[in-house]
PDB file of N, CA and C in Angstrom:
ATOM      1  N   SER A   1     138.387 148.146  18.150  1.00  0.00           N
ATOM      2  CA  SER A   1     139.579 148.080  17.778  1.00  0.00           C
ATOM      3  C   SER A   1     139.812 149.302  17.032  1.00  0.00           C
ATOM      4  N   ALA A   2     138.912 150.162  16.705  1.00  0.00           N
ATOM      5  CA  ALA A   2     138.875 151.660  16.029  1.00  0.00           C
ATOM      6  C   ALA A   2     139.656 152.507  17.084  1.00  0.00           C
ATOM      7  N   LEU A   3     139.120 152.274  18.179  1.00  0.00           N
ATOM      8  CA  LEU A   3     139.840 153.378  19.177  1.00  0.00           C
ATOM      9  C   LEU A   3     141.207 152.547  19.345  1.00  0.00           C
ATOM     10  N   PHE A   4     141.443 151.490  19.735  1.00  0.00           N
ATOM     11  CA  PHE A   4     142.824 150.754  19.959  1.00  0.00           C
ATOM     12  C   PHE A   4     143.685 151.555  19.025  1.00  0.00           C
ATOM     13  N   ALA A   5     143.203 151.419  17.418  1.00  0.00           N
ATOM     14  CA  ALA A   5     144.310 151.664  16.491  1.00  0.00           C
ATOM     15  C   ALA A   5     144.579 153.230  16.613  1.00  0.00           C
ATOM     16  N   THR A   6     143.760 153.959  17.281  1.00  0.00           N
ATOM     17  CA  THR A   6     144.207 155.432  17.718  1.00  0.00           C
ATOM     18  C   THR A   6     145.424 155.425  18.536  1.00  0.00           C
ATOM     19  N   LEU A   7     145.381 154.493  19.600  1.00  0.00           N
ATOM     20  CA  LEU A   7     146.509 154.537  20.811  1.00  0.00           C
ATOM     21  C   LEU A   7     148.548 154.659  19.722  1.00  0.00           C
ATOM     22  N   ARG A   8     148.809 155.058  20.559  1.00  0.00           N
ATOM     23  CA  ARG A   8     150.329 155.446  19.663  1.00  0.00           C
ATOM     24  C   ARG A   8     151.339 154.656  20.479  1.00  0.00           C
ATOM     25  N   GLU A   9     152.250 154.222  20.156  1.00  0.00           N
ATOM     26  CA  GLU A   9     153.456 153.557  20.594  1.00  0.00           C
ATOM     27  C   GLU A   9     153.463 153.809  22.003  1.00  0.00           C
ATOM     28  N   ALA A  10     154.084 155.026  22.086  1.00  0.00           N
ATOM     29  CA  ALA A  10     154.494 155.501  23.201  1.00  0.00           C
ATOM     30  C   ALA A  10     153.578 155.544  24.169  1.00  0.00           C
ATOM     31  N   GLU A  11     152.147 155.709  23.783  1.00  0.00           N
ATOM     32  CA  GLU A  11     150.998 155.703  25.118  1.00  0.00           C
ATOM     33  C   GLU A  11     150.816 154.445  25.296  1.00  0.00           C
ATOM     34  N   LEU A  12     150.985 153.441  24.824  1.00  0.00           N
ATOM     35  CA  LEU A  12     151.379 151.926  25.379  1.00  0.00           C
ATOM     36  C   LEU A  12     152.073 151.348  26.236  1.00  0.00           C
ATOM     37  N   ALA A  13     153.151 152.003  25.733  1.00  0.00           N
ATOM     38  CA  ALA A  13     154.528 151.924  26.820  1.00  0.00           C
ATOM     39  C   ALA A  13     154.358 152.101  28.111  1.00  0.00           C
ATOM     40  N   THR A  14     153.835 153.708  28.105  1.00  0.00           N
ATOM     41  CA  THR A  14     153.730 154.451  29.009  1.00  0.00           C
ATOM     42  C   THR A  14     152.170 154.765  30.394  1.00  0.00           C
ATOM     43  N   ALA A  15     151.282 154.562  29.368  1.00  0.00           N
ATOM     44  CA  ALA A  15     150.175 154.777  30.250  1.00  0.00           C
ATOM     45  C   ALA A  15     149.614 153.336  30.913  1.00  0.00           C
ATOM     46  N   ALA A  16     149.168 153.845  32.217  1.00  0.00           N
ATOM     47  CA  ALA A  16     148.374 152.882  32.893  1.00  0.00           C
ATOM     48  C   ALA A  16     147.360 152.044  32.479  1.00  0.00           C
ATOM     49  N   PRO A  17     147.165 150.632  32.658  1.00  0.00           N
ATOM     50  CA  PRO A  17     146.398 149.748  32.196  1.00  0.00           C
ATOM     51  C   PRO A  17     144.999 150.315  32.487  1.00  0.00           C
ATOM     52  N   LEU A  18     145.091 150.958  33.535  1.00  0.00           N
ATOM     53  CA  LEU A  18     143.745 150.989  33.870  1.00  0.00           C
ATOM     54  C   LEU A  18     142.944 152.168  33.113  1.00  0.00           C
ATOM     55  N   ASP A  19     144.050 153.374  32.615  1.00  0.00           N
ATOM     56  CA  ASP A  19     143.745 154.793  31.806  1.00  0.00           C
ATOM     57  C   ASP A  19     143.285 153.967  30.570  1.00  0.00           C
ATOM     58  N   LEU A  20     144.103 153.035  29.948  1.00  0.00           N
ATOM     59  CA  LEU A  20     144.172 153.019  28.378  1.00  0.00           C
ATOM     60  C   LEU A  20     142.272 151.976  28.871  1.00  0.00           C
ATOM     61  N   LEU A  21     142.242 151.209  29.429  1.00  0.00           N
ATOM     62  CA  LEU A  21     140.687 150.176  29.613  1.00  0.00           C
ATOM     63  C   LEU A  21     139.827 152.039  29.532  1.00  0.00           C
ATOM     64  N   ARG A  22     140.170 152.623  30.098  1.00  0.00           N
ATOM     65  CA  ARG A  22     138.874 153.423  30.229  1.00  0.00           C
ATOM     66  C   ARG A  22     139.011 154.212  29.105  1.00  0.00           C
ATOM     67  N   ARG A  23     139.761 154.796  28.530  1.00  0.00           N
ATOM     68  CA  ARG A  23     139.919 155.444  27.279  1.00  0.00           C
ATOM     69  C   ARG A  23     138.917 155.019  26.263  1.00  0.00           C
ATOM     70  N   LEU A  24     139.890 152.885  26.066  1.00  0.00           N
ATOM     71  CA  LEU A  24     138.994 152.405  24.767  1.00  0.00           C
ATOM     72  C   LEU A  24     137.543 151.809  25.254  1.00  0.00           C
ATOM     73  N   PHE A  25     137.361 151.719  26.588  1.00  0.00           N
ATOM     74  CA  PHE A  25     135.807 151.472  26.763  1.00  0.00           C
ATOM     75  C   PHE A  25     135.435 152.593  27.903  1.00  0.00           C
ATOM     76  N   ALA A  26     134.711 153.842  27.279  1.00  0.00           N
ATOM     77  CA  ALA A  26     134.635 155.163  27.720  1.00  0.00           C
ATOM     78  C   ALA A  26     133.256 154.672  28.404  1.00  0.00           C
ATOM     79  N   GLU A  27     132.001 153.858  27.520  1.00  0.00           N
ATOM     80  CA  GLU A  27     130.801 153.954  27.357  1.00  0.00           C
ATOM     81  C   GLU A  27     130.442 153.122  28.558  1.00  0.00           C
ATOM     82  N   GLU A  28     131.455 152.354  29.041  1.00  0.00           N
ATOM     83  CA  GLU A  28     131.042 151.252  29.924  1.00  0.00           C
ATOM     84  C   GLU A  28     131.520 151.436  31.439  1.00  0.00           C
ATOM     85  N   THR A  29     131.136 150.412  32.260  1.00  0.00           N
ATOM     86  CA  THR A  29     131.685 150.591  33.631  1.00  0.00           C
ATOM     87  C   THR A  29     132.886 149.918  33.797  1.00  0.00           C
ATOM     88  N   VAL A  30     133.946 150.339  33.914  1.00  0.00           N
ATOM     89  CA  VAL A  30     135.275 149.401  33.705  1.00  0.00           C
ATOM     90  C   VAL A  30     135.739 148.769  35.153  1.00  0.00           C
ATOM     91  N   ARG A  31     135.684 147.516  35.839  1.00  0.00           N
ATOM     92  CA  ARG A  31     135.873 147.262  36.520  1.00  0.00           C
ATOM     93  C   ARG A  31     136.833 146.271  36.797  1.00  0.00           C
ATOM     94  N   VAL A  32     138.200 145.933  37.276  1.00  0.00           N
ATOM     95  CA  VAL A  32     139.233 145.704  37.486  1.00  0.00           C
ATOM     96  C   VAL A  32     138.722 144.490  38.851  1.00  0.00           C
ATOM     97  N   ALA A  33     139.116 143.662  38.566  1.00  0.00           N
ATOM     98  CA  ALA A  33     139.324 142.060  39.442  1.00  0.00           C
ATOM     99  C   ALA A  33     140.112 142.163  40.457  1.00  0.00           C
ATOM    100  N   GLU A  34     140.145 141.853  41.358  1.00  0.00           N
ATOM    101  CA  GLU A  34     141.411 141.644  42.578  1.00  0.00           C
ATOM    102  C   GLU A  34     142.469 140.595  41.726  1.00  0.00           C
ATOM    103  N   SER A  35     143.791 140.635  41.756  1.00  0.00           N
ATOM    104  CA  SER A  35     144.420 139.387  41.218  1.00  0.00           C
ATOM    105  C   SER A  35     144.764 138.632  42.062  1.00  0.00           C
ATOM    106  N   ARG A  36     144.995 137.215  41.460  1.00  0.00           N
ATOM    107  CA  ARG A  36     144.719 136.386  42.151  1.00  0.00           C
ATOM    108  C   ARG A  36     145.843 135.212  41.878  1.00  0.00           C
ATOM    109  N   PRO A  37     146.530 134.111  42.639  1.00  0.00           N
ATOM    110  CA  PRO A  37     147.754 133.458  41.747  1.00  0.00           C
ATOM    111  C   PRO A  37     146.577 132.626  41.088  1.00  0.00           C
ATOM    112  N   VAL A  38     147.488 131.670  40.039  1.00  0.00           N
ATOM    113  CA  VAL A  38     147.143 131.189  39.062  1.00  0.00           C
ATOM    114  C   VAL A  38     147.517 129.931  39.547  1.00  0.00           C
ATOM    115  N   ARG A  39     146.471 128.951  39.632  1.00  0.00           N
ATOM    116  CA  ARG A  39     146.502 128.134  40.421  1.00  0.00           C
ATOM    117  C   ARG A  39     145.910 126.947  39.343  1.00  0.00           C
ATOM    118  N   LEU A  40     147.016 126.178  38.859  1.00  0.00           N
ATOM    119  CA  LEU A  40     146.473 125.196  38.028  1.00  0.00           C
ATOM    120  C   LEU A  40     146.280 123.602  38.418  1.00  0.00           C
ATOM    121  N   ALA A  41     144.919 123.084  38.168  1.00  0.00           N
ATOM    122  CA  ALA A  41     144.718 121.663  38.646  1.00  0.00           C
ATOM    123  C   ALA A  41     143.982 121.047  37.859  1.00  0.00           C
ATOM    124  N   CYS A  42     144.237 119.560  37.795  1.00  0.00           N
ATOM    125  CA  CYS A  42     143.384 119.019  36.600  1.00  0.00           C
ATOM    126  C   CYS A  42     142.440 118.471  37.753  1.00  0.00           C
ATOM    127  N   SER A  43     141.297 118.107  36.816  1.00  0.00           N
ATOM    128  CA  SER A  43     140.035 117.713  37.342  1.00  0.00           C
ATOM    129  C   SER A  43     140.071 115.807  36.989  1.00  0.00           C
ATOM    130  N   CYS A  44     141.117 114.984  35.810  1.00  0.00           N
ATOM    131  CA  CYS A  44     141.175 114.457  35.517  1.00  0.00           C
ATOM    132  C   CYS A  44     140.823 112.776  36.763  1.00  0.00           C
ATOM    133  N   SER A  45     140.139 111.946  36.116  1.00  0.00           N
ATOM    134  CA  SER A  45     139.925 110.660  37.134  1.00  0.00           C
ATOM    135  C   SER A  45     139.769 109.463  36.640  1.00  0.00           C
ATOM    136  N   HIS A  46     139.828 108.225  37.657  1.00  0.00           N
ATOM    137  CA  HIS A  46     139.661 107.220  36.436  1.00  0.00           C
ATOM    138  C   HIS A  46     138.463 107.049  36.425  1.00  0.00           C
ATOM    139  N   ALA A  47     137.399 107.643  37.423  1.00  0.00           N
ATOM    140  CA  ALA A  47     136.063 107.243  36.979  1.00  0.00           C
ATOM    141  C   ALA A  47     135.360 108.362  35.763  1.00  0.00           C
ATOM    142  N   GLY A  48     135.929 109.019  35.647  1.00  0.00           N
ATOM    143  CA  GLY A  48     135.696 110.257  34.176  1.00  0.00           C
ATOM    144  C   GLY A  48     136.508 109.881  33.274  1.00  0.00           C
ATOM    145  N   ILE A  49     137.367 109.040  33.162  1.00  0.00           N
ATOM    146  CA  ILE A  49     137.772 108.045  32.008  1.00  0.00           C
ATOM    147  C   ILE A  49     137.064 106.912  31.481  1.00  0.00           C
ATOM    148  N   SER A  50     136.740 106.206  32.748  1.00  0.00           N
ATOM    149  CA  SER A  50     135.997 104.653  32.834  1.00  0.00           C
ATOM    150  C   SER A  50     134.714 105.254  31.819  1.00  0.00           C
ATOM    151  N   ALA A  51     133.676 106.397  32.677  1.00  0.00           N
ATOM    152  CA  ALA A  51     132.767 107.174  31.646  1.00  0.00           C
ATOM    153  C   ALA A  51     132.877 107.186  30.256  1.00  0.00           C
ATOM    154  N   MET A  52     134.188 108.285  30.001  1.00  0.00           N
ATOM    155  CA  MET A  52     134.503 108.630  28.843  1.00  0.00           C
ATOM    156  C   MET A  52     134.496 107.374  27.377  1.00  0.00           C
ATOM    157  N   LEU A  53     135.011 106.153  28.386  1.00  0.00           N
ATOM    158  CA  LEU A  53     135.517 104.628  27.505  1.00  0.00           C
ATOM    159  C   LEU A  53     134.024 104.223  27.042  1.00  0.00           C
ATOM    160  N   LEU A  54     133.266 104.482  28.195  1.00  0.00           N
ATOM    161  CA  LEU A  54     132.196 103.433  28.265  1.00  0.00           C
ATOM    162  C   LEU A  54     130.756 104.332  27.119  1.00  0.00           C
ATOM    163  N   SER A  55     131.286 105.554  26.734  1.00  0.00           N
ATOM    164  CA  SER A  55     130.686 106.265  25.837  1.00  0.00           C
ATOM    165  C   SER A  55     130.983 106.049  24.251  1.00  0.00           C
ATOM    166  N   LEU A  56     132.189 105.559  24.163  1.00  0.00           N
ATOM    167  CA  LEU A  56     132.564 105.024  23.092  1.00  0.00           C
ATOM    168  C   LEU A  56     131.828 103.797  22.288  1.00  0.00           C
ATOM    169  N   GLY A  57     131.492 103.003  23.656  1.00  0.00           N
ATOM    170  CA  GLY A  57     130.665 102.065  23.484  1.00  0.00           C
ATOM    171  C   GLY A  57     131.880 100.865  23.288  1.00  0.00           C
ATOM    172  N   GLU A  58     131.461  99.202  23.460  1.00  0.00           N
ATOM    173  CA  GLU A  58     131.707  98.206  23.882  1.00  0.00           C
ATOM    174  C   GLU A  58     132.590  97.651  22.486  1.00  0.00           C
ATOM    175  N   ALA A  59     131.770  98.262  20.920  1.00  0.00           N
ATOM    176  CA  ALA A  59     132.621  97.416  20.064  1.00  0.00           C
ATOM    177  C   ALA A  59     133.781  98.321  19.629  1.00  0.00           C
ATOM    178  N   GLU A  60     133.752  99.806  19.656  1.00  0.00           N
ATOM    179  CA  GLU A  60     134.745 100.749  19.849  1.00  0.00           C
ATOM    180  C   GLU A  60     135.810  99.906  20.826  1.00  0.00           C
ATOM    181  N   MET A  61     135.859  99.812  21.835  1.00  0.00           N
ATOM    182  CA  MET A  61     136.771  99.698  22.523  1.00  0.00           C
ATOM    183  C   MET A  61     137.393  97.711  22.372  1.00  0.00           C
ATOM    184  N   GLU A  62     136.730  97.022  22.217  1.00  0.00           N
ATOM    185  CA  GLU A  62     136.828  95.401  21.522  1.00  0.00           C
ATOM    186  C   GLU A  62     137.877  95.718  20.109  1.00  0.00           C
ATOM    187  N   SER A  63     137.541  96.746  19.360  1.00  0.00           N
ATOM    188  CA  SER A  63     138.399  96.811  18.225  1.00  0.00           C
ATOM    189  C   SER A  63     139.325  97.705  18.554  1.00  0.00           C
ATOM    190  N   LEU A  64     139.489  98.233  20.220  1.00  0.00           N
ATOM    191  CA  LEU A  64     140.853  98.843  19.979  1.00  0.00           C
ATOM    192  C   LEU A  64     141.998  97.889  20.680  1.00  0.00           C
ATOM    193  N   LEU A  65     141.337  97.069  21.427  1.00  0.00           N
ATOM    194  CA  LEU A  65     141.592  95.927  22.467  1.00  0.00           C
ATOM    195  C   LEU A  65     142.480  94.806  21.213  1.00  0.00           C
ATOM    196  N   LYS A  66     141.775  94.508  19.852  1.00  0.00           N
ATOM    197  CA  LYS A  66     142.143  93.823  19.114  1.00  0.00           C
ATOM    198  C   LYS A  66     143.626  94.456  18.581  1.00  0.00           C
ATOM    199  N   GLU A  67     143.591  95.734  18.437  1.00  0.00           N
ATOM    200  CA  GLU A  67     144.320  96.289  17.626  1.00  0.00           C
ATOM    201  C   GLU A  67     146.081  96.677  18.530  1.00  0.00           C
ATOM    202  N   GLN A  68     145.634  97.190  19.731  1.00  0.00           N
ATOM    203  CA  GLN A  68     146.203  97.664  20.697  1.00  0.00           C
ATOM    204  C   GLN A  68     146.903  96.802  21.679  1.00  0.00           C
ATOM    205  N   GLY A  69     145.829  95.613  22.439  1.00  0.00           N
ATOM    206  CA  GLY A  69     146.252  94.588  23.265  1.00  0.00           C
ATOM    207  C   GLY A  69     145.790  95.235  24.379  1.00  0.00           C
ATOM    208  N   ARG A  70     145.435  96.775  24.867  1.00  0.00           N
ATOM    209  CA  ARG A  70     144.839  97.062  26.011  1.00  0.00           C
ATOM    210  C   ARG A  70     144.550  99.003  26.041  1.00  0.00           C
ATOM    211  N   VAL A  71     143.890  99.577  26.423  1.00  0.00           N
ATOM    212  CA  VAL A  71     143.540 100.808  26.529  1.00  0.00           C
ATOM    213  C   VAL A  71     144.138 101.607  27.417  1.00  0.00           C
ATOM    214  N   GLN A  72     145.272 102.452  26.667  1.00  0.00           N
ATOM    215  CA  GLN A  72     145.712 103.230  27.398  1.00  0.00           C
ATOM    216  C   GLN A  72     145.127 105.117  26.626  1.00  0.00           C
ATOM    217  N   VAL A  73     145.289 105.900  28.288  1.00  0.00           N
ATOM    218  CA  VAL A  73     144.431 107.252  27.883  1.00  0.00           C
ATOM    219  C   VAL A  73     145.217 108.327  28.350  1.00  0.00           C
ATOM    220  N   THR A  74     145.520 109.210  28.373  1.00  0.00           N
ATOM    221  CA  THR A  74     146.675 110.201  28.618  1.00  0.00           C
ATOM    222  C   THR A  74     146.167 111.685  28.371  1.00  0.00           C
ATOM    223  N   CYS A  75     146.203 111.664  29.830  1.00  0.00           N
ATOM    224  CA  CYS A  75     145.682 113.144  30.097  1.00  0.00           C
ATOM    225  C   CYS A  75     146.000 114.088  29.885  1.00  0.00           C
ATOM    226  N   GLU A  76     145.607 115.056  28.332  1.00  0.00           N
ATOM    227  CA  GLU A  76     146.251 116.194  27.781  1.00  0.00           C
ATOM    228  C   GLU A  76     146.995 117.292  28.624  1.00  0.00           C
ATOM    229  N   PHE A  77     145.919 117.296  29.685  1.00  0.00           N
ATOM    230  CA  PHE A  77     146.302 118.560  30.939  1.00  0.00           C
ATOM    231  C   PHE A  77     147.383 118.087  32.054  1.00  0.00           C
ATOM    232  N   CYS A  78     147.372 117.155  32.331  1.00  0.00           N
ATOM    233  CA  CYS A  78     148.241 116.841  33.690  1.00  0.00           C
ATOM    234  C   CYS A  78     149.406 115.650  33.134  1.00  0.00           C
ATOM    235  N   GLY A  79     149.039 114.913  32.265  1.00  0.00           N
ATOM    236  CA  GLY A  79     149.981 113.777  31.606  1.00  0.00           C
ATOM    237  C   GLY A  79     149.874 112.350  32.233  1.00  0.00           C
ATOM    238  N   ARG A  80     148.832 112.608  33.400  1.00  0.00           N
ATOM    239  CA  ARG A  80     148.694 111.313  33.419  1.00  0.00           C
ATOM    240  C   ARG A  80     148.287 110.284  32.674  1.00  0.00           C
ATOM    241  N   VAL A  81     148.090 109.094  32.779  1.00  0.00           N
ATOM    242  CA  VAL A  81     148.309 107.767  31.970  1.00  0.00           C
ATOM    243  C   VAL A  81     147.438 106.584  32.530  1.00  0.00           C
ATOM    244  N   TYR A  82     146.123 106.556  32.286  1.00  0.00           N
ATOM    245  CA  TYR A  82     145.105 105.781  32.418  1.00  0.00           C
ATOM    246  C   TYR A  82     144.846 104.585  31.595  1.00  0.00           C
ATOM    247  N   ASP A  83     145.591 103.202  32.420  1.00  0.00           N
ATOM    248  CA  ASP A  83     145.809 102.073  31.472  1.00  0.00           C
ATOM    249  C   ASP A  83     144.550 100.875  32.051  1.00  0.00           C
ATOM    250  N   PHE A  84     144.404 100.383  30.762  1.00  0.00           N
ATOM    251  CA  PHE A  84     143.357  99.584  30.872  1.00  0.00           C
ATOM    252  C   PHE A  84     143.421  98.190  30.622  1.00  0.00           C
ATOM    253  N   SER A  85     143.381  96.712  30.951  1.00  0.00           N
ATOM    254  CA  SER A  85     143.674  96.104  30.642  1.00  0.00           C
ATOM    255  C   SER A  85     142.378  95.420  29.956  1.00  0.00           C
ATOM    256  N   PRO A  86     142.704  94.258  29.031  1.00  0.00           N
ATOM    257  CA  PRO A  86     141.307  94.006  28.558  1.00  0.00           C
ATOM    258  C   PRO A  86     140.355  93.395  29.619  1.00  0.00           C
ATOM    259  N   ALA A  87     140.802  92.967  30.508  1.00  0.00           N
ATOM    260  CA  ALA A  87     140.140  92.333  31.706  1.00  0.00           C
ATOM    261  C   ALA A  87     139.836  93.403  32.221  1.00  0.00           C
ATOM    262  N   ASP A  88     140.256  94.882  32.403  1.00  0.00           N
ATOM    263  CA  ASP A  88     139.241  95.864  33.071  1.00  0.00           C
ATOM    264  C   ASP A  88     138.414  96.200  32.325  1.00  0.00           C
ATOM    265  N   VAL A  89     138.224  96.460  30.879  1.00  0.00           N
ATOM    266  CA  VAL A  89     137.626  96.707  30.221  1.00  0.00           C
ATOM    267  C   VAL A  89     136.676  96.053  29.968  1.00  0.00           C
ATOM    268  N   HIS A  90     136.845  94.824  29.751  1.00  0.00           N
ATOM    269  CA  HIS A  90     135.356  93.901  29.931  1.00  0.00           C
ATOM    270  C   HIS A  90     134.684  94.233  31.479  1.00  0.00           C
ATOM    271  N   GLU A  91     135.219  94.551  32.344  1.00  0.00           N
ATOM    272  CA  GLU A  91     134.809  94.647  33.751  1.00  0.00           C
ATOM    273  C   GLU A  91     134.016  95.386  33.918  1.00  0.00           C
ATOM    274  N   LEU A  92     134.723  96.288  32.862  1.00  0.00           N
ATOM    275  CA  LEU A  92     133.784  97.766  33.059  1.00  0.00           C
ATOM    276  C   LEU A  92     132.890  98.043  32.702  1.00  0.00           C
ATOM    277  N   PHE A  93     132.212  97.311  31.600  1.00  0.00           N
ATOM    278  CA  PHE A  93     131.253  97.108  30.356  1.00  0.00           C
ATOM    279  C   PHE A  93     130.473  96.182  31.245  1.00  0.00           C
ATOM    280  N   GLN A  94     130.804  95.604  31.569  1.00  0.00           N
ATOM    281  CA  GLN A  94     129.801  94.352  33.237  1.00  0.00           C
ATOM    282  C   GLN A  94     129.488  94.991  33.330  1.00  0.00           C
ATOM    283  N   ALA A  95     130.127  95.871  34.747  1.00  0.00           N
ATOM    284  CA  ALA A  95     129.386  96.459  35.719  1.00  0.00           C
ATOM    285  C   ALA A  95     128.405  97.495  35.260  1.00  0.00           C
ATOM    286  N   ALA A  96     129.057  98.159  33.511  1.00  0.00           N
ATOM    287  CA  ALA A  96     127.497  99.154  33.391  1.00  0.00           C
ATOM    288  C   ALA A  96     125.865  98.255  33.147  1.00  0.00           C
ATOM    289  N   ARG A  97     126.378  97.212  32.221  1.00  0.00           N
ATOM    290  CA  ARG A  97     125.070  96.306  31.949  1.00  0.00           C
ATOM    291  C   ARG A  97     124.321  95.701  33.190  1.00  0.00           C
ATOM    292  N   THR A  98     125.171  95.889  34.158  1.00  0.00           N
ATOM    293  CA  THR A  98     124.013  95.351  35.421  1.00  0.00           C
ATOM    294  C   THR A  98     124.283  96.214  36.336  1.00  0.00           C
ATOM    295  N   ALA A  99     123.941  97.791  36.136  1.00  0.00           N
ATOM    296  CA  ALA A  99     124.018  98.803  36.877  1.00  0.00           C
ATOM    297  C   ALA A  99     122.556  99.424  36.676  1.00  0.00           C
ATOM    298  N   PRO A 100     121.797  99.898  37.686  1.00  0.00           N
ATOM    299  CA  PRO A 100     120.546 100.487  37.758  1.00  0.00           C
ATOM    300  C   PRO A 100     120.461 101.050  35.888  1.00  0.00           C
ATOM    301  N   GLY A 101     119.309 100.683  35.186  1.00  0.00           N
ATOM    302  CA  GLY A 101     119.349 101.220  34.220  1.00  0.00           C
ATOM    303  C   GLY A 101     119.518 100.187  32.932  1.00  0.00           C
ATOM    304  N   GLY A 102     120.767  99.131  33.396  1.00  0.00           N
ATOM    305  CA  GLY A 102     121.387  97.895  32.815  1.00  0.00           C
ATOM    306  C   GLY A 102     121.337  98.404  31.229  1.00  0.00           C
ATOM    307  N   LYS A 103     121.986 100.014  30.684  1.00  0.00           N
ATOM    308  CA  LYS A 103     122.272  99.572  29.042  1.00  0.00           C
ATOM    309  C   LYS A 103     123.539 100.727  29.401  1.00  0.00           C
ATOM    310  N   THR A 104     124.583 100.879  28.097  1.00  0.00           N
ATOM    311  CA  THR A 104     125.148 101.521  28.153  1.00  0.00           C
ATOM    312  C   THR A 104     125.430 102.597  27.237  1.00  0.00           C
ATOM    313  N   ARG A 105     125.884 103.607  27.215  1.00  0.00           N
ATOM    314  CA  ARG A 105     125.438 104.698  26.335  1.00  0.00           C
ATOM    315  C   ARG A 105     126.454 105.088  25.515  1.00  0.00           C
ATOM    316  N   HIS A 106     126.105 105.179  24.233  1.00  0.00           N
ATOM    317  CA  HIS A 106     127.164 105.738  23.192  1.00  0.00           C
ATOM    318  C   HIS A 106     126.419 105.555  21.918  1.00  0.00           C
TER     319      HIS A 106
END
């Protein structure tokens, strides 16, 4: 930041970015990766949301069901809504209890 403070506004506006990087990081080997297009992709899934609900525990889910009648989870990245009815939630925990290991973690 001390070296950056020495740069003038005109330098910032006209100097090539790679030249600025080399001046600011003169003791380092500056390498610039090739540009690639940005690709936004969400990795949310029903299985992942189900695992998250299991991790919250059955008591928490029962409380939410009593309060709201169902469980809805919205992915903050892609906006997809996952809707779980009371039967879905009960089936989720029943399947976890009967799976190898037989206990839910929370």
